[in-house]
Amino acid sequence: MDDIAIDILNNNAEKIFKLIDSQKTHLCLAQCPAFEEIIDTQLFGFSKQVEFAIEIGILQENEGHQMMSKLERALNDVCTQVYNEMYQSNKIKTRPLKK
């Protein structure tokens, strides 16, 4: 039973990874608030699943943190990539510092 629950969590994490990864090709994250909301909702729901699995003893706390950290890093990587590409294409304007 524990293995089934872990498999379900891993499958759910993989779905979120795929959703995040799809943005590496489309890079529409910055222009798409709906996508950002979807990711936030998915990550929040997944974090609750992980917390529940930890509470009932199916998942160790450090394993749950690792699962969440991997997803958060993947999202951060995509956001950084989008920002860098937008910055390089001058879609993000920087203001000079006041003296």
N, C-alpha and C. Protein backbone atom coordinates (compact mmCIF):
# COMPACT_ATOMS: atom_id res chain seq x y z
N MET A 1 0.82 -1.20 0.00
CA MET A 1 0.00 0.00 0.00
C MET A 1 0.87 1.26 0.00
N ASP A 2 1.95 1.25 0.81
CA ASP A 2 2.86 2.40 0.85
C ASP A 2 3.48 2.65 -0.52
N ASP A 3 3.86 1.56 -1.20
CA ASP A 3 4.48 1.69 -2.52
C ASP A 3 3.51 2.32 -3.52
N ILE A 4 2.25 1.97 -3.43
CA ILE A 4 1.24 2.54 -4.32
C ILE A 4 1.12 4.03 -4.08
N ALA A 5 1.10 4.44 -2.82
CA ALA A 5 0.99 5.86 -2.49
C ALA A 5 2.21 6.63 -2.99
N ILE A 6 3.39 6.06 -2.82
CA ILE A 6 4.63 6.70 -3.29
C ILE A 6 4.60 6.81 -4.81
N ASP A 7 4.12 5.76 -5.49
CA ASP A 7 4.02 5.80 -6.95
C ASP A 7 3.07 6.90 -7.40
N ILE A 8 1.96 7.06 -6.70
CA ILE A 8 1.00 8.11 -7.03
C ILE A 8 1.64 9.49 -6.86
N LEU A 9 2.36 9.69 -5.76
CA LEU A 9 3.05 10.96 -5.55
C LEU A 9 4.08 11.22 -6.64
N ASN A 10 4.85 10.20 -6.98
CA ASN A 10 5.85 10.34 -8.04
C ASN A 10 5.20 10.66 -9.39
N ASN A 11 4.07 10.03 -9.68
CA ASN A 11 3.34 10.31 -10.92
C ASN A 11 2.83 11.74 -10.94
N ASN A 12 2.30 12.19 -9.81
CA ASN A 12 1.82 13.57 -9.72
C ASN A 12 2.97 14.56 -9.89
N ALA A 13 4.10 14.26 -9.28
CA ALA A 13 5.27 15.13 -9.43
C ALA A 13 5.72 15.15 -10.89
N GLU A 14 5.69 14.02 -11.54
CA GLU A 14 6.10 13.94 -12.95
C GLU A 14 5.18 14.79 -13.84
N LYS A 15 3.89 14.78 -13.56
CA LYS A 15 2.95 15.60 -14.33
C LYS A 15 3.29 17.09 -14.18
N ILE A 16 3.63 17.49 -12.97
CA ILE A 16 3.99 18.89 -12.74
C ILE A 16 5.31 19.21 -13.43
N PHE A 17 6.28 18.29 -13.37
CA PHE A 17 7.55 18.48 -14.08
C PHE A 17 7.30 18.69 -15.57
N LYS A 18 6.43 17.87 -16.15
CA LYS A 18 6.13 17.98 -17.58
C LYS A 18 5.49 19.33 -17.90
N LEU A 19 4.60 19.77 -17.04
CA LEU A 19 3.95 21.07 -17.23
C LEU A 19 4.98 22.19 -17.17
N ILE A 20 5.86 22.12 -16.20
CA ILE A 20 6.93 23.13 -16.07
C ILE A 20 7.87 23.04 -17.27
N ASP A 21 8.25 21.82 -17.62
CA ASP A 21 9.20 21.62 -18.71
C ASP A 21 8.65 22.11 -20.05
N SER A 22 7.34 21.99 -20.23
CA SER A 22 6.74 22.45 -21.48
C SER A 22 6.97 23.94 -21.68
N GLN A 23 7.15 24.66 -20.60
CA GLN A 23 7.37 26.10 -20.69
C GLN A 23 8.79 26.44 -21.14
N LYS A 24 9.70 25.48 -21.02
CA LYS A 24 11.05 25.72 -21.52
C LYS A 24 11.02 25.92 -23.04
N THR A 25 10.11 25.22 -23.70
CA THR A 25 10.01 25.37 -25.15
C THR A 25 9.16 26.56 -25.54
N HIS A 26 8.13 26.82 -24.79
CA HIS A 26 7.22 27.91 -25.15
C HIS A 26 7.62 29.25 -24.54
N LEU A 27 8.26 29.21 -23.39
CA LEU A 27 8.72 30.41 -22.69
C LEU A 27 7.64 31.48 -22.59
N CYS A 28 6.42 31.04 -22.32
CA CYS A 28 5.33 32.02 -22.21
C CYS A 28 4.98 32.32 -20.77
N LEU A 29 5.77 31.83 -19.85
CA LEU A 29 5.49 31.99 -18.43
C LEU A 29 5.26 33.44 -18.05
N ALA A 30 6.13 34.32 -18.51
CA ALA A 30 6.05 35.72 -18.11
C ALA A 30 4.81 36.40 -18.70
N GLN A 31 4.36 35.95 -19.85
CA GLN A 31 3.19 36.57 -20.47
C GLN A 31 1.90 35.83 -20.15
N CYS A 32 1.97 34.82 -19.34
CA CYS A 32 0.80 33.97 -19.12
C CYS A 32 0.50 33.80 -17.63
N PRO A 33 -0.21 34.77 -17.04
CA PRO A 33 -0.55 34.66 -15.63
C PRO A 33 -1.39 33.42 -15.30
N ALA A 34 -2.18 32.96 -16.27
CA ALA A 34 -3.00 31.77 -16.03
C ALA A 34 -2.10 30.56 -15.79
N PHE A 35 -1.02 30.44 -16.56
CA PHE A 35 -0.09 29.33 -16.36
C PHE A 35 0.53 29.40 -14.98
N GLU A 36 0.91 30.60 -14.58
CA GLU A 36 1.51 30.80 -13.26
C GLU A 36 0.55 30.36 -12.16
N GLU A 37 -0.74 30.69 -12.32
CA GLU A 37 -1.76 30.29 -11.35
C GLU A 37 -1.91 28.76 -11.31
N ILE A 38 -1.86 28.16 -12.50
CA ILE A 38 -2.00 26.70 -12.58
C ILE A 38 -0.83 26.04 -11.85
N ILE A 39 0.38 26.51 -12.11
CA ILE A 39 1.56 25.93 -11.45
C ILE A 39 1.46 26.12 -9.93
N ASP A 40 1.10 27.34 -9.49
CA ASP A 40 0.97 27.59 -8.05
C ASP A 40 -0.05 26.63 -7.43
N THR A 41 -1.17 26.46 -8.11
CA THR A 41 -2.22 25.56 -7.60
C THR A 41 -1.74 24.13 -7.57
N GLN A 42 -1.06 23.70 -8.64
CA GLN A 42 -0.54 22.33 -8.70
C GLN A 42 0.49 22.08 -7.59
N LEU A 43 1.40 23.04 -7.41
CA LEU A 43 2.42 22.88 -6.37
C LEU A 43 1.80 22.88 -4.99
N PHE A 44 0.81 23.74 -4.76
CA PHE A 44 0.16 23.78 -3.45
C PHE A 44 -0.54 22.45 -3.18
N GLY A 45 -1.30 21.96 -4.16
CA GLY A 45 -1.99 20.69 -3.99
C GLY A 45 -1.03 19.54 -3.75
N PHE A 46 0.07 19.55 -4.50
CA PHE A 46 1.07 18.50 -4.33
C PHE A 46 1.71 18.58 -2.96
N SER A 47 1.97 19.80 -2.48
CA SER A 47 2.59 19.95 -1.15
C SER A 47 1.66 19.39 -0.07
N LYS A 48 0.37 19.54 -0.25
CA LYS A 48 -0.59 18.99 0.71
C LYS A 48 -0.61 17.46 0.66
N GLN A 49 -0.47 16.90 -0.54
CA GLN A 49 -0.38 15.45 -0.66
C GLN A 49 0.87 14.93 0.04
N VAL A 50 1.97 15.63 -0.15
CA VAL A 50 3.23 15.25 0.48
C VAL A 50 3.11 15.34 2.00
N GLU A 51 2.54 16.43 2.49
CA GLU A 51 2.36 16.59 3.94
C GLU A 51 1.52 15.46 4.51
N PHE A 52 0.45 15.10 3.81
CA PHE A 52 -0.42 14.02 4.27
C PHE A 52 0.35 12.69 4.30
N ALA A 53 1.12 12.42 3.25
CA ALA A 53 1.90 11.18 3.19
C ALA A 53 2.91 11.13 4.34
N ILE A 54 3.49 12.27 4.69
CA ILE A 54 4.43 12.33 5.81
C ILE A 54 3.69 12.07 7.12
N GLU A 55 2.54 12.71 7.28
CA GLU A 55 1.77 12.56 8.52
C GLU A 55 1.33 11.13 8.79
N ILE A 56 0.99 10.39 7.74
CA ILE A 56 0.53 9.02 7.97
C ILE A 56 1.67 8.01 7.88
N GLY A 57 2.89 8.52 7.73
CA GLY A 57 4.06 7.66 7.80
C GLY A 57 4.43 6.93 6.53
N ILE A 58 3.85 7.32 5.40
CA ILE A 58 4.17 6.68 4.13
C ILE A 58 5.47 7.23 3.56
N LEU A 59 5.75 8.48 3.86
CA LEU A 59 6.90 9.18 3.30
C LEU A 59 7.70 9.80 4.43
N GLN A 60 9.00 9.71 4.35
CA GLN A 60 9.86 10.36 5.33
C GLN A 60 9.86 11.86 5.04
N GLU A 61 10.02 12.66 6.08
CA GLU A 61 9.99 14.11 5.93
C GLU A 61 11.04 14.61 4.95
N ASN A 62 12.26 14.06 5.05
CA ASN A 62 13.32 14.51 4.12
C ASN A 62 13.00 14.14 2.67
N GLU A 63 12.34 13.01 2.45
CA GLU A 63 11.94 12.62 1.10
C GLU A 63 10.91 13.60 0.53
N GLY A 64 9.99 13.99 1.39
CA GLY A 64 8.96 14.95 0.97
C GLY A 64 9.57 16.30 0.62
N HIS A 65 10.51 16.73 1.43
CA HIS A 65 11.20 18.00 1.16
C HIS A 65 11.98 17.92 -0.14
N GLN A 66 12.60 16.77 -0.39
CA GLN A 66 13.36 16.60 -1.64
C GLN A 66 12.43 16.67 -2.85
N MET A 67 11.27 16.04 -2.75
CA MET A 67 10.31 16.07 -3.86
C MET A 67 9.89 17.51 -4.15
N MET A 68 9.57 18.25 -3.11
CA MET A 68 9.13 19.64 -3.30
C MET A 68 10.28 20.51 -3.82
N SER A 69 11.46 20.30 -3.29
CA SER A 69 12.62 21.09 -3.72
C SER A 69 12.92 20.89 -5.20
N LYS A 70 12.82 19.65 -5.67
CA LYS A 70 13.07 19.39 -7.09
C LYS A 70 12.09 20.14 -7.97
N LEU A 71 10.82 20.14 -7.58
CA LEU A 71 9.81 20.86 -8.37
C LEU A 71 10.05 22.36 -8.33
N GLU A 72 10.35 22.88 -7.15
CA GLU A 72 10.58 24.31 -7.01
C GLU A 72 11.81 24.75 -7.79
N ARG A 73 12.85 23.92 -7.78
CA ARG A 73 14.06 24.24 -8.57
C ARG A 73 13.75 24.24 -10.06
N ALA A 74 12.97 23.27 -10.50
CA ALA A 74 12.60 23.19 -11.92
C ALA A 74 11.83 24.44 -12.33
N LEU A 75 10.90 24.87 -11.49
CA LEU A 75 10.13 26.08 -11.79
C LEU A 75 11.04 27.30 -11.79
N ASN A 76 11.93 27.39 -10.82
CA ASN A 76 12.86 28.51 -10.74
C ASN A 76 13.76 28.55 -11.98
N ASP A 77 14.20 27.39 -12.45
CA ASP A 77 15.04 27.33 -13.65
C ASP A 77 14.30 27.89 -14.86
N VAL A 78 13.03 27.52 -15.00
CA VAL A 78 12.25 28.03 -16.14
C VAL A 78 12.05 29.54 -16.01
N CYS A 79 11.72 30.00 -14.82
CA CYS A 79 11.53 31.44 -14.61
C CYS A 79 12.80 32.21 -14.92
N THR A 80 13.93 31.68 -14.49
CA THR A 80 15.22 32.33 -14.75
C THR A 80 15.50 32.35 -16.25
N GLN A 81 15.23 31.25 -16.91
CA GLN A 81 15.44 31.17 -18.36
C GLN A 81 14.57 32.18 -19.10
N VAL A 82 13.30 32.27 -18.71
CA VAL A 82 12.39 33.24 -19.33
C VAL A 82 12.89 34.65 -19.11
N TYR A 83 13.25 34.96 -17.87
CA TYR A 83 13.74 36.31 -17.55
C TYR A 83 14.98 36.63 -18.38
N ASN A 84 15.94 35.70 -18.41
CA ASN A 84 17.18 35.94 -19.15
C ASN A 84 16.92 36.16 -20.64
N GLU A 85 16.04 35.36 -21.21
CA GLU A 85 15.75 35.53 -22.64
C GLU A 85 15.02 36.83 -22.91
N MET A 86 14.12 37.21 -22.01
CA MET A 86 13.42 38.48 -22.19
C MET A 86 14.38 39.65 -22.00
N TYR A 87 15.26 39.54 -21.05
CA TYR A 87 16.24 40.60 -20.80
C TYR A 87 17.17 40.76 -22.00
N GLN A 88 17.62 39.63 -22.53
CA GLN A 88 18.53 39.68 -23.68
C GLN A 88 17.85 40.23 -24.93
N SER A 89 16.55 40.01 -25.05
CA SER A 89 15.84 40.53 -26.22
C SER A 89 15.29 41.93 -25.97
N ASN A 90 15.70 42.53 -24.85
CA ASN A 90 15.32 43.89 -24.47
C ASN A 90 13.83 44.07 -24.21
N LYS A 91 13.13 43.00 -23.88
CA LYS A 91 11.73 43.12 -23.51
C LYS A 91 11.59 43.60 -22.07
N ILE A 92 12.67 43.44 -21.30
CA ILE A 92 12.69 43.94 -19.93
C ILE A 92 13.62 45.14 -19.92
N LYS A 93 13.10 46.25 -19.57
CA LYS A 93 13.89 47.48 -19.54
C LYS A 93 14.42 47.67 -18.12
N THR A 94 15.65 48.04 -18.04
CA THR A 94 16.22 48.35 -16.74
C THR A 94 16.31 49.86 -16.60
N ARG A 95 16.08 50.33 -15.41
CA ARG A 95 16.18 51.77 -15.14
C ARG A 95 17.55 52.08 -14.58
N PRO A 96 18.14 53.18 -15.02
CA PRO A 96 19.43 53.55 -14.44
C PRO A 96 19.28 53.91 -12.97
N LEU A 97 20.29 53.63 -12.22
CA LEU A 97 20.28 53.96 -10.79
C LEU A 97 20.42 55.47 -10.62
N LYS A 98 19.70 56.01 -9.67
CA LYS A 98 19.81 57.43 -9.37
C LYS A 98 21.09 57.67 -8.58
N LYS A 99 21.71 58.79 -8.87
CA LYS A 99 22.95 59.12 -8.15
C LYS A 99 22.67 60.05 -7.01
